[in-house]
Protein backbone atom coordinates (compact mmCIF):
# COMPACT_ATOMS: atom_id res chain seq x y z
CA MET A 1 -45.09 -32.72 -104.11
CA SER A 2 -45.73 -34.14 -100.62
CA SER A 3 -49.00 -33.50 -98.80
CA LEU A 4 -47.11 -31.60 -96.06
CA ALA A 5 -45.60 -29.26 -98.65
CA VAL A 6 -49.08 -28.63 -100.09
CA ILE A 7 -50.46 -27.82 -96.65
CA LEU A 8 -47.58 -25.44 -95.87
CA ILE A 9 -48.00 -23.61 -99.18
CA VAL A 10 -51.75 -23.26 -98.68
CA PHE A 11 -51.31 -22.01 -95.12
CA VAL A 12 -48.85 -19.38 -96.28
CA ILE A 13 -51.48 -18.25 -98.79
CA ILE A 14 -54.13 -18.19 -96.05
CA VAL A 15 -51.90 -16.10 -93.75
CA ILE A 16 -51.13 -13.63 -96.54
CA ALA A 17 -54.84 -13.38 -97.34
CA MET A 18 -55.68 -12.58 -93.71
CA LEU A 19 -52.88 -10.01 -93.50
CA VAL A 20 -54.42 -8.13 -96.44
CA ARG A 21 -57.77 -8.14 -94.60
CA VAL A 22 -59.54 -11.01 -96.37
CA PRO A 23 -62.17 -12.28 -93.87
CA VAL A 24 -60.95 -15.33 -91.96
CA ALA A 25 -63.89 -17.48 -93.13
CA PHE A 26 -63.16 -16.74 -96.80
CA ALA A 27 -59.41 -17.21 -96.39
CA PHE A 28 -59.80 -20.62 -94.75
CA GLY A 29 -62.68 -21.56 -97.04
CA PHE A 30 -60.58 -20.91 -100.13
CA GLY A 31 -57.55 -22.63 -98.59
CA SER A 32 -59.58 -25.66 -97.48
CA ILE A 33 -61.04 -26.19 -100.94
CA ILE A 34 -57.57 -25.99 -102.51
CA MET A 35 -56.21 -28.54 -100.02
CA LEU A 36 -59.17 -30.89 -100.54
CA LEU A 37 -58.82 -30.81 -104.32
CA TRP A 38 -55.01 -30.91 -104.36
CA LEU A 39 -54.88 -33.84 -101.92
CA ASP A 40 -57.74 -35.56 -103.79
CA MET A 41 -60.05 -35.84 -100.79
CA ASP A 42 -63.75 -36.65 -101.11
CA LEU A 43 -65.90 -33.51 -100.76
CA ASP A 44 -69.09 -35.59 -100.50
CA TRP A 45 -67.84 -37.04 -97.23
CA VAL A 46 -65.97 -34.10 -95.69
CA ILE A 47 -68.65 -31.40 -95.94
CA PRO A 48 -71.62 -33.36 -94.45
CA LEU A 49 -69.39 -34.59 -91.61
CA THR A 50 -68.28 -31.05 -90.79
CA TYR A 51 -71.82 -29.72 -91.00
CA SER A 52 -73.07 -32.39 -88.59
CA VAL A 53 -70.52 -31.25 -86.01
CA LEU A 54 -71.96 -27.73 -86.07
CA LEU A 55 -75.41 -29.10 -85.26
CA SER A 56 -74.24 -30.41 -81.89
CA PHE A 57 -76.22 -29.42 -78.77
CA PRO A 58 -73.27 -27.91 -76.82
CA LEU A 59 -72.68 -25.34 -79.57
CA LEU A 60 -76.22 -24.01 -79.04
CA ALA A 61 -74.72 -22.23 -76.03
CA ILE A 62 -72.93 -19.82 -78.41
CA PRO A 63 -76.04 -18.04 -79.78
CA LEU A 64 -77.66 -18.18 -76.33
CA PHE A 65 -74.71 -16.49 -74.60
CA SER A 66 -74.46 -14.02 -77.49
CA PHE A 67 -78.14 -13.17 -77.07
CA LEU A 68 -77.65 -12.85 -73.31
CA GLY A 69 -74.77 -10.38 -73.70
CA ILE A 70 -76.48 -8.29 -76.37
CA THR A 71 -79.77 -8.18 -74.46
CA MET A 72 -78.04 -6.94 -71.32
CA GLU A 73 -76.15 -4.37 -73.38
CA TYR A 74 -79.39 -3.04 -74.87
CA ALA A 75 -81.08 -3.10 -71.45
CA GLY A 76 -78.43 -0.78 -69.99
CA ILE A 77 -77.41 -3.29 -67.33
CA GLY A 78 -73.81 -2.07 -67.41
CA LYS A 79 -74.64 1.23 -65.70
CA ARG A 80 -75.96 -0.48 -62.56
CA LEU A 81 -72.91 -2.71 -62.43
CA ILE A 82 -70.54 0.26 -62.81
CA ASP A 83 -72.34 2.30 -60.13
CA PHE A 84 -71.92 -0.52 -57.60
CA VAL A 85 -68.21 -1.07 -58.30
CA ASN A 86 -67.63 2.69 -58.32
CA VAL A 87 -68.84 3.00 -54.72
CA LEU A 88 -66.24 0.41 -53.66
CA VAL A 89 -63.11 1.75 -55.39
CA GLY A 90 -64.11 4.87 -57.34
CA ARG A 91 -62.77 7.33 -54.75
CA LEU A 92 -59.21 6.00 -54.87
CA ARG A 93 -56.75 7.79 -57.14
CA GLY A 94 -57.05 5.89 -60.41
CA GLY A 95 -60.12 4.20 -58.96
CA LEU A 96 -62.34 4.86 -61.96
CA GLY A 97 -59.87 2.97 -64.14
CA VAL A 98 -60.05 0.08 -61.69
CA VAL A 99 -63.85 0.30 -61.93
CA THR A 100 -63.52 -0.17 -65.68
CA VAL A 101 -61.28 -3.22 -65.30
CA VAL A 102 -63.40 -4.90 -62.63
CA SER A 103 -66.69 -4.10 -64.38
CA CYS A 104 -65.49 -5.77 -67.58
CA GLY A 105 -64.50 -8.83 -65.58
CA ILE A 106 -67.88 -9.02 -63.86
CA PHE A 107 -69.70 -8.43 -67.14
CA GLY A 108 -67.76 -11.40 -68.50
CA ALA A 109 -69.30 -13.55 -65.75
CA ILE A 110 -72.66 -12.66 -67.28
CA SER A 111 -72.14 -12.56 -71.04
CA GLY A 112 -68.85 -14.31 -71.90
CA SER A 113 -68.41 -11.85 -74.77
CA ALA A 114 -65.60 -9.30 -75.11
CA ALA A 115 -67.46 -7.36 -77.82
CA SER A 116 -70.50 -6.98 -75.55
CA ALA A 117 -68.24 -5.75 -72.74
CA ILE A 118 -66.78 -3.04 -74.98
CA TYR A 119 -70.18 -1.72 -75.98
CA ALA A 120 -71.94 -2.21 -72.63
CA ILE A 121 -69.12 -0.94 -70.38
CA GLY A 122 -67.09 1.13 -72.83
CA THR A 123 -69.92 3.40 -73.96
CA LEU A 124 -70.58 4.35 -70.34
CA MET A 125 -67.03 4.52 -69.01
CA LEU A 126 -65.45 6.56 -71.81
CA ARG A 127 -67.46 9.63 -70.86
CA ARG A 128 -66.86 9.14 -67.13
CA LEU A 129 -63.13 8.60 -67.57
CA GLU A 130 -62.81 11.75 -69.68
CA GLU A 131 -64.78 13.80 -67.16
CA GLU A 132 -62.47 12.69 -64.36
CA GLY A 133 -59.38 13.77 -66.33
CA TYR A 134 -58.18 10.66 -68.16
CA PRO A 135 -57.05 11.35 -71.77
CA LEU A 136 -59.43 9.89 -74.37
CA GLY A 137 -56.62 7.78 -75.85
CA TYR A 138 -55.82 6.26 -72.46
CA ALA A 139 -59.48 5.54 -71.72
CA THR A 140 -59.86 3.85 -75.12
CA GLY A 141 -56.76 1.68 -74.68
CA LEU A 142 -57.83 0.72 -71.15
CA ILE A 143 -61.31 -0.33 -72.29
CA ALA A 144 -59.92 -2.30 -75.26
CA CYS A 145 -57.64 -4.33 -72.98
CA SER A 146 -60.14 -4.66 -70.12
CA ALA A 147 -62.86 -6.02 -72.43
CA MET A 148 -60.60 -9.02 -73.01
CA LEU A 149 -61.33 -10.07 -69.43
CA ALA A 150 -64.85 -11.04 -70.45
CA LEU A 151 -63.34 -14.08 -72.19
CA PHE A 152 -61.41 -15.20 -69.10
CA ILE A 153 -64.06 -14.98 -66.40
CA PRO A 154 -66.49 -17.90 -66.80
CA PRO A 155 -68.54 -18.50 -68.81
CA SER A 156 -66.43 -17.98 -71.94
CA MET A 157 -67.74 -18.62 -75.44
CA ASP A 158 -64.25 -19.52 -76.63
CA MET A 159 -63.97 -22.18 -73.93
CA ILE A 160 -67.30 -23.66 -75.04
CA ILE A 161 -65.74 -24.16 -78.46
CA PHE A 162 -62.43 -25.38 -77.04
CA GLY A 163 -64.01 -27.91 -74.70
CA PHE A 164 -66.47 -29.18 -77.29
CA ILE A 165 -63.94 -29.70 -80.07
CA GLY A 166 -61.28 -31.01 -77.67
CA ARG A 167 -63.84 -33.40 -76.11
CA ILE A 168 -63.02 -32.26 -72.60
CA SER A 169 -65.25 -30.79 -69.90
CA ILE A 170 -66.59 -27.36 -70.91
CA ALA A 171 -67.36 -26.54 -67.27
CA ALA A 172 -63.75 -27.34 -66.35
CA CYS A 173 -62.48 -25.19 -69.24
CA PHE A 174 -64.47 -22.28 -67.79
CA LEU A 175 -62.65 -22.71 -64.48
CA ALA A 176 -59.26 -23.12 -66.18
CA THR A 177 -59.36 -19.53 -67.45
CA ALA A 178 -60.71 -18.02 -64.23
CA GLY A 179 -57.31 -18.06 -62.48
CA PRO A 180 -55.49 -16.27 -65.33
CA GLY A 181 -58.42 -13.83 -65.55
CA ILE A 182 -58.21 -12.91 -61.86
CA LEU A 183 -54.45 -12.40 -62.21
CA LEU A 184 -55.02 -10.15 -65.21
CA ILE A 185 -57.57 -8.06 -63.29
CA ILE A 186 -54.99 -7.53 -60.52
CA PHE A 187 -52.16 -6.67 -62.94
CA TYR A 188 -54.34 -4.30 -64.99
CA SER A 189 -55.57 -2.52 -61.85
CA ILE A 190 -52.01 -1.98 -60.59
CA ILE A 191 -50.82 -0.74 -64.00
CA ASN A 192 -53.77 1.65 -64.19
CA ILE A 193 -53.08 3.09 -60.73
CA ILE A 194 -49.41 3.66 -61.62
CA MET A 195 -50.16 5.23 -65.02
CA SER A 196 -52.96 7.44 -63.68
CA ARG A 197 -50.50 9.30 -61.44
CA LYS A 198 -49.41 11.45 -64.38
CA PHE A 199 -52.96 12.56 -65.23
CA PRO A 200 -54.62 15.64 -63.61
CA LEU A 201 -57.55 13.65 -62.23
CA ARG A 202 -60.60 15.24 -60.59
CA MET A 203 -61.26 13.05 -57.60
CA LEU A 204 -64.65 12.32 -56.06
CA PRO A 205 -65.13 13.91 -52.62
CA LYS A 206 -64.40 11.73 -49.62
CA VAL A 207 -67.37 10.49 -47.60
CA SER A 208 -67.79 8.95 -44.19
CA THR A 209 -67.96 5.20 -43.67
CA GLY A 210 -71.65 5.50 -42.87
CA GLN A 211 -72.37 7.40 -46.09
CA MET A 212 -70.41 4.88 -48.10
CA ALA A 213 -72.40 2.06 -46.51
CA LYS A 214 -75.64 3.81 -47.51
CA GLU A 215 -74.41 4.26 -51.10
CA LEU A 216 -73.30 0.64 -51.21
CA ALA A 217 -76.67 -0.54 -49.97
CA HIS A 218 -78.50 1.64 -52.51
CA THR A 219 -76.42 0.62 -55.54
CA GLY A 220 -76.44 -2.98 -54.34
CA LYS A 221 -80.24 -2.93 -54.28
CA GLN A 222 -80.32 -1.34 -57.73
CA SER A 223 -77.91 -3.92 -59.18
CA PHE A 224 -79.09 -6.99 -57.25
CA LEU A 225 -80.62 -8.67 -60.28
CA VAL A 226 -77.43 -8.01 -62.28
CA PHE A 227 -75.35 -9.98 -59.79
CA LEU A 228 -78.02 -12.66 -59.72
CA MET A 229 -77.17 -13.52 -63.34
CA PRO A 230 -73.70 -15.07 -62.78
CA ILE A 231 -75.06 -16.88 -59.73
CA ILE A 232 -77.73 -18.48 -61.92
CA ILE A 233 -75.27 -19.36 -64.68
CA LEU A 234 -72.31 -20.59 -62.65
CA GLY A 235 -74.31 -21.90 -59.71
CA GLY A 236 -76.51 -23.90 -62.07
CA ILE A 237 -73.55 -25.36 -63.95
CA TYR A 238 -71.39 -26.28 -60.97
CA GLY A 239 -74.35 -27.23 -58.81
CA GLY A 240 -75.25 -29.90 -61.34
CA LEU A 241 -78.59 -28.30 -62.25
CA PHE A 242 -77.75 -27.32 -65.83
CA THR A 243 -75.36 -28.11 -68.61
CA PRO A 244 -73.58 -24.98 -69.91
CA THR A 245 -76.05 -24.88 -72.81
CA GLU A 246 -79.06 -25.14 -70.54
CA ALA A 247 -77.60 -22.51 -68.22
CA ALA A 248 -77.21 -20.17 -71.19
CA GLY A 249 -80.86 -20.70 -72.13
CA VAL A 250 -82.10 -20.07 -68.59
CA ALA A 251 -79.88 -16.99 -68.22
CA ALA A 252 -81.06 -15.60 -71.57
CA ALA A 253 -84.69 -15.93 -70.44
CA VAL A 254 -83.89 -14.29 -67.09
CA ALA A 255 -82.04 -11.47 -68.91
CA ILE A 256 -85.21 -10.61 -70.81
CA VAL A 257 -87.21 -10.46 -67.58
CA VAL A 258 -84.52 -8.39 -65.83
CA GLY A 259 -84.30 -6.02 -68.80
CA PHE A 260 -88.03 -5.32 -68.67
CA ILE A 261 -88.01 -4.99 -64.86
CA TYR A 262 -85.29 -2.34 -65.10
CA ARG A 263 -87.25 -0.72 -67.96
CA GLY A 264 -84.18 -0.58 -70.15
CA LEU A 265 -85.42 -3.23 -72.56
CA THR A 266 -88.25 -2.72 -75.04
CA PHE A 267 -89.76 -5.04 -77.62
CA THR A 268 -87.99 -3.05 -80.34
CA LYS A 269 -84.63 -3.50 -78.60
CA LEU A 270 -85.41 -7.18 -78.05
CA ALA A 271 -86.01 -7.61 -81.79
CA ARG A 272 -82.71 -5.85 -82.53
CA ALA A 273 -80.91 -8.08 -80.04
CA THR A 274 -82.37 -11.14 -81.74
CA MET A 275 -81.27 -9.90 -85.16
CA SER A 276 -77.77 -9.06 -83.90
CA THR A 277 -77.50 -12.52 -82.34
CA ALA A 278 -78.47 -14.14 -85.64
CA ILE A 279 -75.81 -12.14 -87.50
CA ILE A 280 -73.09 -12.96 -84.95
CA THR A 281 -74.05 -16.64 -84.84
CA GLY A 282 -74.03 -16.86 -88.63
CA ALA A 283 -70.56 -15.32 -88.74
CA ILE A 284 -69.22 -17.67 -86.05
CA MET A 285 -70.71 -20.77 -87.69
CA THR A 286 -69.39 -19.80 -91.11
CA VAL A 287 -65.91 -19.39 -89.70
CA GLY A 288 -66.31 -22.60 -87.72
CA PHE A 289 -67.40 -24.60 -90.79
CA PHE A 290 -64.32 -23.75 -92.86
CA MET A 291 -61.98 -23.90 -89.86
CA LEU A 292 -63.21 -27.41 -89.05
CA ILE A 293 -62.59 -28.54 -92.63
CA ALA A 294 -59.05 -27.15 -92.55
CA SER A 295 -58.43 -28.63 -89.11
CA ARG A 296 -59.65 -32.08 -90.15
CA ILE A 297 -57.25 -32.02 -93.09
CA LEU A 298 -54.43 -31.30 -90.64
CA VAL A 299 -55.52 -34.27 -88.54
CA TRP A 300 -55.78 -36.61 -91.52
CA GLU A 301 -52.31 -35.61 -92.68
CA TYR A 302 -50.82 -36.22 -89.19
CA VAL A 303 -49.63 -32.63 -88.82
CA ALA A 304 -49.95 -32.96 -85.02
CA ASN A 305 -47.40 -35.81 -85.11
CA ILE A 306 -45.04 -33.62 -87.08
CA LEU A 307 -45.41 -30.83 -84.50
CA VAL A 308 -44.62 -33.28 -81.72
CA GLU A 309 -41.42 -34.27 -83.51
CA VAL A 310 -40.50 -30.60 -83.95
CA PHE A 311 -41.02 -29.80 -80.26
CA LEU A 312 -39.15 -32.88 -79.10
CA GLY A 313 -36.42 -32.20 -81.63
CA VAL A 314 -35.79 -28.74 -80.23
CA SER A 315 -35.88 -29.75 -76.57
CA GLU A 316 -37.21 -32.43 -74.27
CA ASN A 317 -37.61 -29.85 -71.51
CA VAL A 318 -41.36 -29.29 -71.04
CA VAL A 319 -40.86 -25.63 -70.09
CA ILE A 320 -39.06 -24.93 -73.38
CA GLN A 321 -41.80 -26.78 -75.23
CA LEU A 322 -44.51 -24.71 -73.50
CA LEU A 323 -42.67 -21.47 -74.30
CA MET A 324 -42.57 -22.55 -77.97
CA ILE A 325 -46.32 -23.17 -77.79
CA ASP A 326 -46.74 -19.67 -76.31
CA LEU A 327 -44.91 -18.12 -79.27
CA LEU A 328 -47.02 -20.13 -81.71
CA LEU A 329 -50.23 -19.08 -79.95
CA ILE A 330 -49.25 -15.40 -79.86
CA PHE A 331 -48.56 -15.50 -83.61
CA ILE A 332 -51.89 -17.22 -84.30
CA GLY A 333 -53.68 -14.68 -82.10
CA MET A 334 -52.08 -11.78 -83.98
CA ILE A 335 -53.49 -12.83 -87.35
CA MET A 336 -56.78 -14.55 -86.47
CA ASP A 337 -59.86 -13.75 -84.44
CA ASP A 338 -60.27 -15.63 -81.17
CA THR A 339 -63.03 -17.97 -82.40
CA SER A 340 -61.07 -19.18 -85.42
CA ALA A 341 -57.87 -19.48 -83.41
CA THR A 342 -59.62 -21.45 -80.66
CA ILE A 343 -60.96 -24.01 -83.15
CA LEU A 344 -57.52 -24.42 -84.73
CA CYS A 345 -55.78 -24.75 -81.35
CA ALA A 346 -58.28 -27.28 -80.00
CA ILE A 347 -57.83 -29.64 -82.94
CA LEU A 348 -54.12 -29.09 -83.54
CA LEU A 349 -52.60 -28.46 -80.11
CA LEU A 350 -54.47 -30.78 -77.76
CA PRO A 351 -53.13 -33.96 -79.46
CA VAL A 352 -49.63 -32.46 -79.38
CA THR A 353 -49.75 -31.46 -75.70
CA ASP A 354 -51.30 -34.82 -74.82
CA VAL A 355 -48.19 -36.58 -76.18
CA LEU A 356 -45.98 -34.04 -74.36
CA GLY A 357 -47.82 -34.85 -71.12
CA VAL A 358 -49.42 -31.42 -70.56
CA ASN A 359 -52.71 -31.22 -68.67
CA PRO A 360 -55.52 -30.26 -71.14
CA TYR A 361 -56.90 -27.65 -68.72
CA HIS A 362 -53.44 -26.14 -68.44
CA VAL A 363 -53.56 -25.90 -72.24
CA ALA A 364 -56.97 -24.20 -72.01
CA GLY A 365 -55.47 -21.55 -69.73
CA LEU A 366 -52.49 -21.09 -72.05
CA VAL A 367 -54.69 -20.78 -75.13
CA MET A 368 -56.88 -18.09 -73.57
CA ALA A 369 -53.94 -16.19 -72.05
CA ASN A 370 -52.13 -16.01 -75.38
CA LEU A 371 -55.12 -15.48 -77.65
CA GLY A 372 -56.33 -12.76 -75.30
CA LEU A 373 -53.12 -10.86 -76.03
CA GLY A 374 -53.71 -11.44 -79.74
CA LEU A 375 -57.09 -9.67 -79.51
CA VAL A 376 -55.31 -6.38 -78.83
CA THR A 377 -52.17 -6.97 -80.88
CA PRO A 378 -52.05 -5.68 -84.49
CA PRO A 379 -52.51 -6.41 -87.32
CA VAL A 380 -55.96 -7.91 -86.55
CA ALA A 381 -56.56 -6.61 -82.97
CA PRO A 382 -60.38 -6.63 -83.13
CA LEU A 383 -60.86 -5.26 -79.60
CA LEU A 384 -58.59 -2.28 -80.30
CA TYR A 385 -60.56 -1.32 -83.39
CA MET A 386 -63.92 -1.83 -81.64
CA ALA A 387 -62.84 0.41 -78.78
CA GLY A 388 -61.76 3.05 -81.31
CA GLN A 389 -65.22 2.94 -82.88
CA VAL A 390 -66.94 3.31 -79.51
CA ALA A 391 -64.69 6.29 -78.74
CA GLY A 392 -65.86 8.06 -81.91
CA ASN A 393 -63.79 6.40 -84.64
CA ILE A 394 -60.53 7.84 -83.36
CA PRO A 395 -57.38 6.58 -85.14
CA ILE A 396 -55.56 3.68 -83.51
CA SER A 397 -52.37 5.76 -83.30
CA LYS A 398 -54.00 7.84 -80.54
CA TYR A 399 -54.53 4.96 -78.13
CA LEU A 400 -52.24 2.06 -79.14
CA GLY A 401 -49.38 3.57 -77.12
CA TYR A 402 -51.56 3.61 -74.00
CA ALA A 403 -52.57 -0.03 -74.53
CA VAL A 404 -48.98 -1.30 -74.90
CA PRO A 405 -48.07 -1.08 -71.14
CA PHE A 406 -51.09 -3.28 -70.33
CA MET A 407 -49.87 -5.84 -72.86
CA LEU A 408 -46.22 -5.75 -71.75
CA PHE A 409 -46.70 -5.58 -67.99
CA GLY A 410 -50.09 -7.27 -67.75
CA ASN A 411 -50.58 -9.91 -70.43
CA LEU A 412 -46.99 -11.10 -70.84
CA PRO A 413 -46.34 -11.69 -67.11
CA VAL A 414 -49.65 -13.56 -66.83
CA ILE A 415 -48.71 -15.73 -69.82
CA LEU A 416 -45.38 -16.57 -68.17
CA ILE A 417 -47.03 -17.31 -64.81
CA VAL A 418 -49.65 -19.57 -66.42
CA THR A 419 -46.89 -21.32 -68.41
CA LEU A 420 -44.58 -21.93 -65.46
CA VAL A 421 -47.24 -22.53 -62.79
CA PRO A 422 -49.85 -24.95 -64.23
CA GLU A 423 -51.85 -24.82 -60.99
CA VAL A 424 -53.07 -21.34 -61.94
CA SER A 425 -55.23 -23.08 -64.56
CA THR A 426 -55.68 -26.54 -63.07
CA PHE A 427 -56.41 -25.78 -59.40
CA LEU A 428 -60.08 -24.77 -59.78
CA PRO A 429 -61.04 -27.63 -62.16
CA LYS A 430 -59.52 -30.10 -59.65
CA LEU A 431 -61.07 -28.41 -56.64
CA VAL A 432 -64.60 -27.96 -57.99
CA LEU A 433 -64.98 -30.82 -60.46
CA GLY A 434 -62.17 -33.19 -59.58
CA VAL A 435 -60.85 -33.28 -63.15
CA GLY A 436 -57.42 -32.69 -64.64
């Protein structure tokens, strides 16, 4: 039996295992061991090499950004952020839904974590949305989709992984997903305003321009340190003061200080945040270890070359090739979590798209746009299930229908725009860093 046949059989087994809810790390771990033994590869060489990759300095940014997001969640930072955005757009019809969307995007500029956005923003907004007249199912679906924005707006933990493994600029990868993220915020806000027309909303009373200015000044003062966080992170990175890892460390330290200043953080909560970070980091690194082994096997067996031949065999038109990549990415996103899928895509797709002549930062934008859709698309859909838990463990059937319009009229158009207009992803990296 050829090595390619072995790999295909094992990957079918891995996909079936994930579909029946076997954890991704275990599925790929089991599959990797089978491939290594079946293809007679040396375990003594593969495992130490993979482990050494995980010890790299850039990957230290993952636990630091995780700690940053969890600390700000425990410190109650989200409420100050929401209050500020609410003064700006909360009095429009459907405005509170827009507040949810925008707040998740801004929170992403601080934490880079979709899970943190669900818990930090979702726990506060669910009650507010219900009180204003939004159905609980709609509010849950909106929060599940909006939390995805935290992975688009820089910094993004997935783009740290993508840039590191792909050996391209992590800072440029951050910028590559910002354009698609801004588009998604606009699309989601419009969809929310249209859908909210059918709900009996209780609107906030109108106020004069002077009163609004006073409220804006007050909430701005209360949330000043919150908005200082993305300035420190992004300003430090693009100002040449920090690497992304160093920026994460500085921001994590500042988050502790800000949490205590706002009196939302205690030493007990800080200890819990540290423990939660350790658990999340352990899970990510375990997945990463087995994913890297599997990905290296694919490289050694020249699977990327085979994919190139497949794409070129179907069509030499780059648009058709990119649409095929979109379909592949959507499928991967539907059955894998974003971290695992990002590792696989970085190792497998970047060599393919390099041969096809596609800009690597365009690929970064495509990967995030498609995998973002996968985060809310069953059967895995981790953000959907998290949002259901935050809403009180309500069944997914009560809010999936409300989430679908955001996927169809928000995510899919953005995927097509990013596919057909590479500048959406490449403009900012060229403008700010001169790369791509």
